[in-house]
Each structure stands twice: as C-alpha cells, then as structure tokens.
Amino acid sequence: MAVKTSTVSRYVSDLEQDLGIALFNRSTRGLVLTEGGHVFREHAAQALAALETARHATSALNSAPQGVLRVTMPPAFGRRHIVPHLPAFLQRFPNIGIDAVFSEETLNIIDARIDIAVRIGVMPDSQLMGKALAPQRRVVCASPDYLARHGTPATPQDLAGHEAIKLALAPNDKWCFMHAGDAAEPPQVIALQGRVRGDDTEALLALALAGCGYALLPTWLIADALADGRLMRLLPQWLAQADRQPASIWLVYPPKKIVSSKVRAFIDFFSERLAALP
C-alpha cells in the first residue's frame, strides 16, 4: 500500500520527538542515517524479526496440536476415566504435554490459567464454552451387610427411616426421585437423615461399602461394586438425582473465536473414549 511522503515525514518527526534524538541528517542531496538512526534501525529490525517468529510459532500451535495443556478434573472421575486414557492420548499427540490439576473445587478457569476442565453437574449459565460428554447417572445403593441389618426399602419414602451418606457438594440434604416407568408420576423429594457428610465421592463409596448407610453414587464410580455384589442397587424402578435438573459430564473451556488445536484434540479424543461410560 502506497504511503504519501508527507505522511512518512510526519511519522519520522514524531518518532524523533519521542526518542529525543535525530534519526537522519537532512541535506539537499537527501537523507542519511545518524548514529542514533543506525542503532534504532538495528534494534527495530530485531524486534520485527522476533514478532514474525512469534506470529509463526503461535499460528503453528493451531495448525498442529502442541504445547502444554492444563486440565482440571474431579479427583475420583479423573483417576478412573481420564488418567487411564492419557497414555494413548500422549502417544497420539506426541507434541502435547499435560499439566493435570485434580480438585473437587470448581476453579475459575480464566484466573487459574486452565485450558480445559472436566466438570460434573448442571452446566451453569456462564460465558464459558462446554461440550456434554455423557449424562451423569446416579443410583441409590447400599452394602448387603447394611440391608441385612436394616432391611431393603421398597419406596423412596422408606429411605426416610434409614441412614444416608450425604454428599456435601449437593445443594441440600434432599434427593429427587422420578418414576422410570410412569412419566405422569409426580417427582418425590425425600429429606435425608444421616450422621455422615463428605465432599469426596470415593470416600462416600468406601463408607457405603463398609455398611455405614445408603448413598446416591454415580454409575461410573460403582459399576464394578454393583457387578460383583459388594453394593446392591435400591429402588431400580426410580431415577434418583441430587438436584431437580439432570446432570451431565462436561468439558468446559474459555470462550475464544478460535479454539486451539491442543484443546480441540483433547475434546475429540475424550468425547470418543467417554461415550460409553458405565
């Protein structure tokens, strides 16, 4: 694009005024760089070269997946369903590194410099982007020992007389039951009784296995315990939730016009691997 001589002259004068030094010796025969002009040109050329290198390096991050991917996830879910697949992920994408942050806390992914977060629950109304991987299915369960001592509840109302192992992260000490075979059946909300509350799902699983009461636990956590009989599912004709809104397993990431290739690689890979959760 052509630039007028007067415009260039004005820019140079402004630059000289800003620097406090003449960049050119002016004469009727033309312009000659001063010593200050040579120094400025040399450093400006280096800065432009570095800027071009940065531009190419940044563009390369989105053309081929590479760089460190900072991921946060709930500890129990991460250990069971993310970590086992990481070797295959790293083998498929040899230029990506993983910085894994295991936390039950819902971190502010912008402030914590998180690239992508695994979250379980109801997607909040926020500016974040999200992809639902699978529904979060919970079932009421208890150990055979507990049921032998206290009996097996036949209806959601029967749970009111039993010892509940409560999840501290749930919005309140109530569970919502919906009849699986009759959509017209109104939801039943049951207030819980119990002396134990915890914020770690693996700890709640251990307490349920030890016969401390009944618990509402995700199927991705207890599938093996149900299969081998260490836990028994209660009220199979009812769908139970810790909230009236159904929860899902999400991948959440900051809003950007262009999603980096390393984030897209993680989303695509784990969308495939986690599609068949128990």
C-alpha atoms as a PDB file:
ATOM      1  CA  MET A   1       0.000   0.000   0.000  1.00  0.00           C
ATOM      2  CA  ALA A   2       1.466   3.364  -1.061  1.00  0.00           C
ATOM      3  CA  VAL A   3       2.071   5.911   1.696  1.00  0.00           C
ATOM      4  CA  LYS A   4       2.432   9.609   0.984  1.00  0.00           C
ATOM      5  CA  THR A   5       5.866  11.173   1.504  1.00  0.00           C
ATOM      6  CA  SER A   6       4.345  13.809   3.771  1.00  0.00           C
ATOM      7  CA  THR A   7       2.821  11.088   5.963  1.00  0.00           C
ATOM      8  CA  VAL A   8       6.170   9.282   6.309  1.00  0.00           C
ATOM      9  CA  SER A   9       7.896  12.556   7.098  1.00  0.00           C
ATOM     10  CA  ARG A  10       5.358  13.289   9.837  1.00  0.00           C
ATOM     11  CA  TYR A  11       5.783   9.811  11.361  1.00  0.00           C
ATOM     12  CA  VAL A  12       9.577  10.165  11.381  1.00  0.00           C
ATOM     13  CA  SER A  13       9.356  13.610  13.014  1.00  0.00           C
ATOM     14  CA  ASP A  14       7.002  12.249  15.678  1.00  0.00           C
ATOM     15  CA  LEU A  15       9.374   9.336  16.332  1.00  0.00           C
ATOM     16  CA  GLU A  16      12.385  11.627  16.629  1.00  0.00           C
ATOM     17  CA  GLN A  17      10.477  13.840  19.055  1.00  0.00           C
ATOM     18  CA  ASP A  18       9.503  10.800  21.112  1.00  0.00           C
ATOM     19  CA  LEU A  19      13.090   9.470  21.171  1.00  0.00           C
ATOM     20  CA  GLY A  20      14.668  12.861  21.730  1.00  0.00           C
ATOM     21  CA  ILE A  21      17.264  12.295  19.008  1.00  0.00           C
ATOM     22  CA  ALA A  22      17.629  12.932  15.278  1.00  0.00           C
ATOM     23  CA  LEU A  23      17.467   9.780  13.171  1.00  0.00           C
ATOM     24  CA  PHE A  24      18.519  11.403   9.880  1.00  0.00           C
ATOM     25  CA  ASN A  25      20.913  14.055   8.691  1.00  0.00           C
ATOM     26  CA  ARG A  26      18.957  16.054   6.147  1.00  0.00           C
ATOM     27  CA  SER A  27      20.526  17.904   3.215  1.00  0.00           C
ATOM     28  CA  THR A  28      19.600  18.959  -0.294  1.00  0.00           C
ATOM     29  CA  ARG A  29      21.124  15.694  -1.534  1.00  0.00           C
ATOM     30  CA  GLY A  30      18.877  13.508   0.612  1.00  0.00           C
ATOM     31  CA  LEU A  31      18.706  11.776   3.976  1.00  0.00           C
ATOM     32  CA  VAL A  32      21.498   9.907   5.786  1.00  0.00           C
ATOM     33  CA  LEU A  33      21.043   7.917   8.953  1.00  0.00           C
ATOM     34  CA  THR A  34      22.662   9.336  12.057  1.00  0.00           C
ATOM     35  CA  GLU A  35      24.383   7.102  14.608  1.00  0.00           C
ATOM     36  CA  GLY A  36      21.133   7.061  16.575  1.00  0.00           C
ATOM     37  CA  GLY A  37      19.273   6.152  13.381  1.00  0.00           C
ATOM     38  CA  HIS A  38      21.557   3.152  12.783  1.00  0.00           C
ATOM     39  CA  VAL A  39      21.092   1.938  16.385  1.00  0.00           C
ATOM     40  CA  PHE A  40      17.318   2.306  16.180  1.00  0.00           C
ATOM     41  CA  ARG A  41      17.098   0.534  12.803  1.00  0.00           C
ATOM     42  CA  GLU A  42      19.184  -2.397  14.036  1.00  0.00           C
ATOM     43  CA  HIS A  43      17.034  -2.955  17.142  1.00  0.00           C
ATOM     44  CA  ALA A  44      13.794  -2.344  15.246  1.00  0.00           C
ATOM     45  CA  ALA A  45      14.792  -4.995  12.696  1.00  0.00           C
ATOM     46  CA  GLN A  46      15.433  -7.479  15.509  1.00  0.00           C
ATOM     47  CA  ALA A  47      12.067  -6.654  17.089  1.00  0.00           C
ATOM     48  CA  LEU A  48      10.244  -7.149  13.774  1.00  0.00           C
ATOM     49  CA  ALA A  49      12.009 -10.481  13.238  1.00  0.00           C
ATOM     50  CA  ALA A  50      11.048 -11.604  16.748  1.00  0.00           C
ATOM     51  CA  LEU A  51       7.451 -10.521  16.111  1.00  0.00           C
ATOM     52  CA  GLU A  52       7.350 -12.558  12.920  1.00  0.00           C
ATOM     53  CA  THR A  53       8.802 -15.573  14.722  1.00  0.00           C
ATOM     54  CA  ALA A  54       6.162 -15.205  17.452  1.00  0.00           C
ATOM     55  CA  ARG A  55       3.413 -14.971  14.845  1.00  0.00           C
ATOM     56  CA  HIS A  56       4.556 -18.159  13.107  1.00  0.00           C
ATOM     57  CA  ALA A  57       5.023 -20.005  16.429  1.00  0.00           C
ATOM     58  CA  THR A  58       1.548 -19.019  17.597  1.00  0.00           C
ATOM     59  CA  SER A  59      -0.046 -19.996  14.291  1.00  0.00           C
ATOM     60  CA  ALA A  60       1.759 -23.337  14.442  1.00  0.00           C
ATOM     61  CA  LEU A  61       0.074 -24.094  17.767  1.00  0.00           C
ATOM     62  CA  ASN A  62      -3.264 -24.122  15.992  1.00  0.00           C
ATOM     63  CA  SER A  63      -2.107 -25.930  12.862  1.00  0.00           C
ATOM     64  CA  ALA A  64      -0.663 -28.945  14.707  1.00  0.00           C
ATOM     65  CA  PRO A  65      -1.576 -29.882  18.301  1.00  0.00           C
ATOM     66  CA  GLN A  66       1.328 -28.954  20.551  1.00  0.00           C
ATOM     67  CA  GLY A  67       2.187 -27.224  23.797  1.00  0.00           C
ATOM     68  CA  VAL A  68       1.257 -27.818  27.435  1.00  0.00           C
ATOM     69  CA  LEU A  69      -2.439 -28.471  28.074  1.00  0.00           C
ATOM     70  CA  ARG A  70      -3.539 -27.505  31.588  1.00  0.00           C
ATOM     71  CA  VAL A  71      -6.538 -29.649  32.597  1.00  0.00           C
ATOM     72  CA  THR A  72      -8.546 -29.699  35.818  1.00  0.00           C
ATOM     73  CA  MET A  73     -10.856 -32.551  36.829  1.00  0.00           C
ATOM     74  CA  PRO A  74     -12.612 -34.064  39.864  1.00  0.00           C
ATOM     75  CA  PRO A  75     -10.141 -36.485  41.502  1.00  0.00           C
ATOM     76  CA  ALA A  76     -12.323 -39.618  41.530  1.00  0.00           C
ATOM     77  CA  PHE A  77     -13.537 -39.241  37.964  1.00  0.00           C
ATOM     78  CA  GLY A  78     -10.110 -38.213  36.731  1.00  0.00           C
ATOM     79  CA  ARG A  79      -8.341 -41.217  38.246  1.00  0.00           C
ATOM     80  CA  ARG A  80     -10.896 -43.670  36.843  1.00  0.00           C
ATOM     81  CA  HIS A  81     -11.763 -42.245  33.433  1.00  0.00           C
ATOM     82  CA  ILE A  82      -9.200 -39.640  32.340  1.00  0.00           C
ATOM     83  CA  VAL A  83      -5.821 -40.860  33.608  1.00  0.00           C
ATOM     84  CA  PRO A  84      -6.187 -44.419  32.159  1.00  0.00           C
ATOM     85  CA  HIS A  85      -6.584 -42.906  28.661  1.00  0.00           C
ATOM     86  CA  LEU A  86      -3.760 -40.357  28.941  1.00  0.00           C
ATOM     87  CA  PRO A  87      -1.007 -42.733  27.699  1.00  0.00           C
ATOM     88  CA  ALA A  88      -2.950 -43.283  24.460  1.00  0.00           C
ATOM     89  CA  PHE A  89      -3.625 -39.547  24.174  1.00  0.00           C
ATOM     90  CA  LEU A  90       0.059 -38.689  24.637  1.00  0.00           C
ATOM     91  CA  GLN A  91       1.052 -41.339  22.111  1.00  0.00           C
ATOM     92  CA  ARG A  92      -1.376 -39.955  19.534  1.00  0.00           C
ATOM     93  CA  PHE A  93      -0.251 -36.360  20.167  1.00  0.00           C
ATOM     94  CA  PRO A  94       3.485 -36.522  20.938  1.00  0.00           C
ATOM     95  CA  ASN A  95       3.885 -32.718  20.968  1.00  0.00           C
ATOM     96  CA  ILE A  96       1.297 -32.129  23.708  1.00  0.00           C
ATOM     97  CA  GLY A  97       2.187 -32.086  27.394  1.00  0.00           C
ATOM     98  CA  ILE A  98      -0.349 -32.446  30.220  1.00  0.00           C
ATOM     99  CA  ASP A  99      -0.492 -30.384  33.415  1.00  0.00           C
ATOM    100  CA  ALA A 100      -3.261 -32.126  35.408  1.00  0.00           C
ATOM    101  CA  VAL A 101      -4.966 -30.344  38.309  1.00  0.00           C
ATOM    102  CA  PHE A 102      -7.119 -32.671  40.467  1.00  0.00           C
ATOM    103  CA  SER A 103      -9.636 -30.717  42.522  1.00  0.00           C
ATOM    104  CA  GLU A 104     -13.190 -31.082  43.810  1.00  0.00           C
ATOM    105  CA  GLU A 105     -13.355 -27.279  43.799  1.00  0.00           C
ATOM    106  CA  THR A 106     -14.844 -25.552  40.754  1.00  0.00           C
ATOM    107  CA  LEU A 107     -11.873 -23.436  39.759  1.00  0.00           C
ATOM    108  CA  ASN A 108     -12.145 -20.193  37.840  1.00  0.00           C
ATOM    109  CA  ILE A 109     -10.502 -21.479  34.687  1.00  0.00           C
ATOM    110  CA  ILE A 110      -9.600 -17.988  33.470  1.00  0.00           C
ATOM    111  CA  ASP A 111      -7.829 -16.947  36.679  1.00  0.00           C
ATOM    112  CA  ALA A 112      -6.226 -20.388  37.125  1.00  0.00           C
ATOM    113  CA  ARG A 113      -4.958 -20.427  33.511  1.00  0.00           C
ATOM    114  CA  ILE A 114      -6.857 -23.648  32.803  1.00  0.00           C
ATOM    115  CA  ASP A 115      -7.185 -24.692  29.155  1.00  0.00           C
ATOM    116  CA  ILE A 116      -9.992 -27.171  29.725  1.00  0.00           C
ATOM    117  CA  ALA A 117     -11.962 -28.501  32.698  1.00  0.00           C
ATOM    118  CA  VAL A 118     -13.858 -31.743  33.285  1.00  0.00           C
ATOM    119  CA  ARG A 119     -16.986 -30.856  35.234  1.00  0.00           C
ATOM    120  CA  ILE A 120     -19.905 -32.896  36.506  1.00  0.00           C
ATOM    121  CA  GLY A 121     -23.290 -31.387  37.180  1.00  0.00           C
ATOM    122  CA  VAL A 122     -25.637 -28.880  35.603  1.00  0.00           C
ATOM    123  CA  MET A 123     -23.929 -26.525  33.180  1.00  0.00           C
ATOM    124  CA  PRO A 124     -24.148 -23.056  34.746  1.00  0.00           C
ATOM    125  CA  ASP A 125     -25.266 -20.003  32.809  1.00  0.00           C
ATOM    126  CA  SER A 126     -21.854 -18.525  32.041  1.00  0.00           C
ATOM    127  CA  GLN A 127     -19.687 -17.248  29.234  1.00  0.00           C
ATOM    128  CA  LEU A 128     -17.713 -20.498  29.131  1.00  0.00           C
ATOM    129  CA  MET A 129     -17.940 -22.931  26.244  1.00  0.00           C
ATOM    130  CA  GLY A 130     -18.963 -26.504  27.016  1.00  0.00           C
ATOM    131  CA  LYS A 131     -19.452 -29.905  25.421  1.00  0.00           C
ATOM    132  CA  ALA A 132     -21.572 -32.554  27.125  1.00  0.00           C
ATOM    133  CA  LEU A 133     -19.840 -35.952  27.028  1.00  0.00           C
ATOM    134  CA  ALA A 134     -22.387 -38.162  28.771  1.00  0.00           C
ATOM    135  CA  PRO A 135     -25.248 -37.988  31.248  1.00  0.00           C
ATOM    136  CA  GLN A 136     -24.382 -38.246  34.924  1.00  0.00           C
ATOM    137  CA  ARG A 137     -26.339 -41.261  36.186  1.00  0.00           C
ATOM    138  CA  ARG A 138     -26.632 -41.844  39.913  1.00  0.00           C
ATOM    139  CA  VAL A 139     -28.247 -44.773  41.695  1.00  0.00           C
ATOM    140  CA  VAL A 140     -29.165 -45.379  45.301  1.00  0.00           C
ATOM    141  CA  CYS A 141     -27.089 -48.230  46.689  1.00  0.00           C
ATOM    142  CA  ALA A 142     -26.073 -49.924  49.929  1.00  0.00           C
ATOM    143  CA  SER A 143     -23.971 -52.867  51.015  1.00  0.00           C
ATOM    144  CA  PRO A 144     -25.564 -56.317  51.533  1.00  0.00           C
ATOM    145  CA  ASP A 145     -24.474 -56.104  55.180  1.00  0.00           C
ATOM    146  CA  TYR A 146     -26.378 -52.838  55.731  1.00  0.00           C
ATOM    147  CA  LEU A 147     -29.506 -54.211  54.051  1.00  0.00           C
ATOM    148  CA  ALA A 148     -29.316 -57.407  56.108  1.00  0.00           C
ATOM    149  CA  ARG A 149     -29.305 -55.325  59.301  1.00  0.00           C
ATOM    150  CA  HIS A 150     -31.840 -52.651  58.333  1.00  0.00           C
ATOM    151  CA  GLY A 151     -33.997 -54.115  55.564  1.00  0.00           C
ATOM    152  CA  THR A 152     -34.448 -53.125  51.921  1.00  0.00           C
ATOM    153  CA  PRO A 153     -36.563 -50.016  51.210  1.00  0.00           C
ATOM    154  CA  ALA A 154     -39.390 -50.573  48.712  1.00  0.00           C
ATOM    155  CA  THR A 155     -40.299 -46.937  48.044  1.00  0.00           C
ATOM    156  CA  PRO A 156     -38.473 -43.602  48.171  1.00  0.00           C
ATOM    157  CA  GLN A 157     -40.438 -42.748  51.330  1.00  0.00           C
ATOM    158  CA  ASP A 158     -38.903 -45.783  53.069  1.00  0.00           C
ATOM    159  CA  LEU A 159     -35.495 -44.123  52.842  1.00  0.00           C
ATOM    160  CA  ALA A 160     -36.549 -41.547  55.423  1.00  0.00           C
ATOM    161  CA  GLY A 161     -36.053 -44.117  58.152  1.00  0.00           C
ATOM    162  CA  HIS A 162     -32.569 -45.144  57.032  1.00  0.00           C
ATOM    163  CA  GLU A 163     -29.079 -43.746  57.481  1.00  0.00           C
ATOM    164  CA  ALA A 164     -27.989 -41.677  54.462  1.00  0.00           C
ATOM    165  CA  ILE A 165     -24.393 -40.956  53.474  1.00  0.00           C
ATOM    166  CA  LYS A 166     -24.695 -37.392  52.197  1.00  0.00           C
ATOM    167  CA  LEU A 167     -22.656 -35.546  49.596  1.00  0.00           C
ATOM    168  CA  ALA A 168     -21.548 -32.141  50.837  1.00  0.00           C
ATOM    169  CA  LEU A 169     -21.416 -30.725  47.307  1.00  0.00           C
ATOM    170  CA  ALA A 170     -25.126 -31.426  46.746  1.00  0.00           C
ATOM    171  CA  PRO A 171     -27.340 -28.317  47.007  1.00  0.00           C
ATOM    172  CA  ASN A 172     -29.256 -29.630  50.037  1.00  0.00           C
ATOM    173  CA  ASP A 173     -29.948 -32.776  52.032  1.00  0.00           C
ATOM    174  CA  LYS A 174     -32.717 -33.900  49.703  1.00  0.00           C
ATOM    175  CA  TRP A 175     -32.910 -36.280  46.768  1.00  0.00           C
ATOM    176  CA  CYS A 176     -35.414 -36.113  43.942  1.00  0.00           C
ATOM    177  CA  PHE A 177     -36.983 -39.363  42.644  1.00  0.00           C
ATOM    178  CA  MET A 178     -38.814 -39.775  39.345  1.00  0.00           C
ATOM    179  CA  HIS A 179     -40.615 -42.967  38.353  1.00  0.00           C
ATOM    180  CA  ALA A 180     -38.818 -44.607  35.434  1.00  0.00           C
ATOM    181  CA  GLY A 181     -41.920 -46.267  34.015  1.00  0.00           C
ATOM    182  CA  ASP A 182     -44.550 -43.601  34.571  1.00  0.00           C
ATOM    183  CA  ALA A 183     -43.802 -40.072  33.384  1.00  0.00           C
ATOM    184  CA  ALA A 184     -47.109 -38.889  34.848  1.00  0.00           C
ATOM    185  CA  GLU A 185     -45.984 -39.857  38.340  1.00  0.00           C
ATOM    186  CA  PRO A 186     -45.009 -36.636  40.148  1.00  0.00           C
ATOM    187  CA  PRO A 187     -41.414 -36.363  41.410  1.00  0.00           C
ATOM    188  CA  GLN A 188     -40.875 -37.263  45.035  1.00  0.00           C
ATOM    189  CA  VAL A 189     -38.419 -35.244  47.104  1.00  0.00           C
ATOM    190  CA  ILE A 190     -37.023 -37.102  50.104  1.00  0.00           C
ATOM    191  CA  ALA A 191     -35.329 -35.361  53.048  1.00  0.00           C
ATOM    192  CA  LEU A 192     -32.271 -37.287  54.171  1.00  0.00           C
ATOM    193  CA  GLN A 193     -31.281 -38.461  57.622  1.00  0.00           C
ATOM    194  CA  GLY A 194     -27.703 -39.363  58.392  1.00  0.00           C
ATOM    195  CA  ARG A 195     -24.697 -38.522  60.524  1.00  0.00           C
ATOM    196  CA  VAL A 196     -22.049 -38.552  57.776  1.00  0.00           C
ATOM    197  CA  ARG A 197     -21.447 -35.991  55.063  1.00  0.00           C
ATOM    198  CA  GLY A 198     -18.425 -35.772  52.774  1.00  0.00           C
ATOM    199  CA  ASP A 199     -17.170 -33.863  49.748  1.00  0.00           C
ATOM    200  CA  ASP A 200     -15.239 -36.752  48.155  1.00  0.00           C
ATOM    201  CA  THR A 201     -17.172 -39.382  46.208  1.00  0.00           C
ATOM    202  CA  GLU A 202     -14.524 -42.071  46.728  1.00  0.00           C
ATOM    203  CA  ALA A 203     -14.786 -41.585  50.494  1.00  0.00           C
ATOM    204  CA  LEU A 204     -18.573 -41.931  50.268  1.00  0.00           C
ATOM    205  CA  LEU A 205     -18.110 -45.125  48.270  1.00  0.00           C
ATOM    206  CA  ALA A 206     -15.811 -46.521  50.954  1.00  0.00           C
ATOM    207  CA  LEU A 207     -18.391 -45.702  53.635  1.00  0.00           C
ATOM    208  CA  ALA A 208     -21.180 -47.356  51.650  1.00  0.00           C
ATOM    209  CA  LEU A 209     -19.041 -50.475  51.152  1.00  0.00           C
ATOM    210  CA  ALA A 210     -18.369 -50.520  54.897  1.00  0.00           C
ATOM    211  CA  GLY A 211     -22.116 -50.655  55.610  1.00  0.00           C
ATOM    212  CA  CYS A 212     -22.489 -47.154  57.039  1.00  0.00           C
ATOM    213  CA  GLY A 213     -25.711 -46.431  55.166  1.00  0.00           C
ATOM    214  CA  TYR A 214     -27.171 -45.950  51.722  1.00  0.00           C
ATOM    215  CA  ALA A 215     -25.695 -43.499  49.215  1.00  0.00           C
ATOM    216  CA  LEU A 216     -26.525 -41.867  45.901  1.00  0.00           C
ATOM    217  CA  LEU A 217     -23.449 -42.552  43.797  1.00  0.00           C
ATOM    218  CA  PRO A 218     -22.589 -42.218  40.093  1.00  0.00           C
ATOM    219  CA  THR A 219     -22.578 -45.349  37.985  1.00  0.00           C
ATOM    220  CA  TRP A 220     -19.118 -44.513  36.601  1.00  0.00           C
ATOM    221  CA  LEU A 221     -17.838 -44.918  40.167  1.00  0.00           C
ATOM    222  CA  ILE A 222     -19.710 -48.009  41.384  1.00  0.00           C
ATOM    223  CA  ALA A 223     -20.158 -50.155  38.265  1.00  0.00           C
ATOM    224  CA  ASP A 224     -17.618 -52.751  39.471  1.00  0.00           C
ATOM    225  CA  ALA A 225     -19.029 -52.839  43.018  1.00  0.00           C
ATOM    226  CA  LEU A 226     -22.538 -53.436  41.644  1.00  0.00           C
ATOM    227  CA  ALA A 227     -21.298 -56.107  39.242  1.00  0.00           C
ATOM    228  CA  ASP A 228     -19.501 -58.157  41.910  1.00  0.00           C
ATOM    229  CA  GLY A 229     -22.201 -57.731  44.577  1.00  0.00           C
ATOM    230  CA  ARG A 230     -20.329 -55.545  47.048  1.00  0.00           C
ATOM    231  CA  LEU A 231     -23.121 -52.989  46.601  1.00  0.00           C
ATOM    232  CA  MET A 232     -26.792 -53.505  45.816  1.00  0.00           C
ATOM    233  CA  ARG A 233     -28.872 -51.079  43.797  1.00  0.00           C
ATOM    234  CA  LEU A 234     -32.028 -49.915  45.577  1.00  0.00           C
ATOM    235  CA  LEU A 235     -35.296 -48.733  44.020  1.00  0.00           C
ATOM    236  CA  PRO A 236     -34.363 -49.663  40.416  1.00  0.00           C
ATOM    237  CA  GLN A 237     -37.771 -48.502  39.172  1.00  0.00           C
ATOM    238  CA  TRP A 238     -36.947 -44.959  40.277  1.00  0.00           C
ATOM    239  CA  LEU A 239     -34.492 -42.433  38.806  1.00  0.00           C
ATOM    240  CA  ALA A 240     -32.737 -40.509  41.558  1.00  0.00           C
ATOM    241  CA  GLN A 241     -30.955 -37.159  41.381  1.00  0.00           C
ATOM    242  CA  ALA A 242     -29.328 -34.843  43.875  1.00  0.00           C
ATOM    243  CA  ASP A 243     -30.961 -31.958  42.021  1.00  0.00           C
ATOM    244  CA  ARG A 244     -34.193 -31.484  40.117  1.00  0.00           C
ATOM    245  CA  GLN A 245     -32.212 -30.741  36.951  1.00  0.00           C
ATOM    246  CA  PRO A 246     -30.431 -33.686  35.286  1.00  0.00           C
ATOM    247  CA  ALA A 247     -26.653 -33.523  35.476  1.00  0.00           C
ATOM    248  CA  SER A 248     -24.080 -34.330  32.803  1.00  0.00           C
ATOM    249  CA  ILE A 249     -20.341 -34.768  32.414  1.00  0.00           C
ATOM    250  CA  TRP A 250     -18.894 -31.750  30.612  1.00  0.00           C
ATOM    251  CA  LEU A 251     -15.714 -30.494  29.027  1.00  0.00           C
ATOM    252  CA  VAL A 252     -15.600 -26.742  29.666  1.00  0.00           C
ATOM    253  CA  TYR A 253     -13.151 -24.235  28.188  1.00  0.00           C
ATOM    254  CA  PRO A 254     -12.732 -20.450  27.884  1.00  0.00           C
ATOM    255  CA  PRO A 255     -14.660 -18.667  25.132  1.00  0.00           C
ATOM    256  CA  LYS A 256     -12.484 -17.961  22.122  1.00  0.00           C
ATOM    257  CA  LYS A 257     -13.174 -17.283  18.464  1.00  0.00           C
ATOM    258  CA  ILE A 258     -10.610 -19.945  17.538  1.00  0.00           C
ATOM    259  CA  VAL A 259     -10.234 -22.957  19.832  1.00  0.00           C
ATOM    260  CA  SER A 260      -6.578 -24.050  19.966  1.00  0.00           C
ATOM    261  CA  SER A 261      -5.751 -27.344  18.315  1.00  0.00           C
ATOM    262  CA  LYS A 262      -4.500 -28.878  21.603  1.00  0.00           C
ATOM    263  CA  VAL A 263      -7.879 -28.176  23.260  1.00  0.00           C
ATOM    264  CA  ARG A 264      -9.746 -29.484  20.226  1.00  0.00           C
ATOM    265  CA  ALA A 265      -7.582 -32.630  20.248  1.00  0.00           C
ATOM    266  CA  PHE A 266      -8.468 -33.285  23.915  1.00  0.00           C
ATOM    267  CA  ILE A 267     -12.185 -32.709  23.300  1.00  0.00           C
ATOM    268  CA  ASP A 268     -12.318 -35.009  20.270  1.00  0.00           C
ATOM    269  CA  PHE A 269     -10.239 -37.751  21.898  1.00  0.00           C
ATOM    270  CA  PHE A 270     -12.161 -37.935  25.178  1.00  0.00           C
ATOM    271  CA  SER A 271     -15.551 -37.468  23.523  1.00  0.00           C
ATOM    272  CA  GLU A 272     -14.834 -40.764  21.798  1.00  0.00           C
ATOM    273  CA  ARG A 273     -13.366 -42.534  24.832  1.00  0.00           C
ATOM    274  CA  LEU A 274     -16.049 -41.483  27.326  1.00  0.00           C
ATOM    275  CA  ALA A 275     -19.087 -42.054  25.112  1.00  0.00           C
ATOM    276  CA  ALA A 276     -19.630 -45.496  26.678  1.00  0.00           C
ATOM    277  CA  LEU A 277     -19.310 -44.706  30.383  1.00  0.00           C
ATOM    278  CA  PRO A 278     -20.915 -47.312  32.689  1.00  0.00           C
END
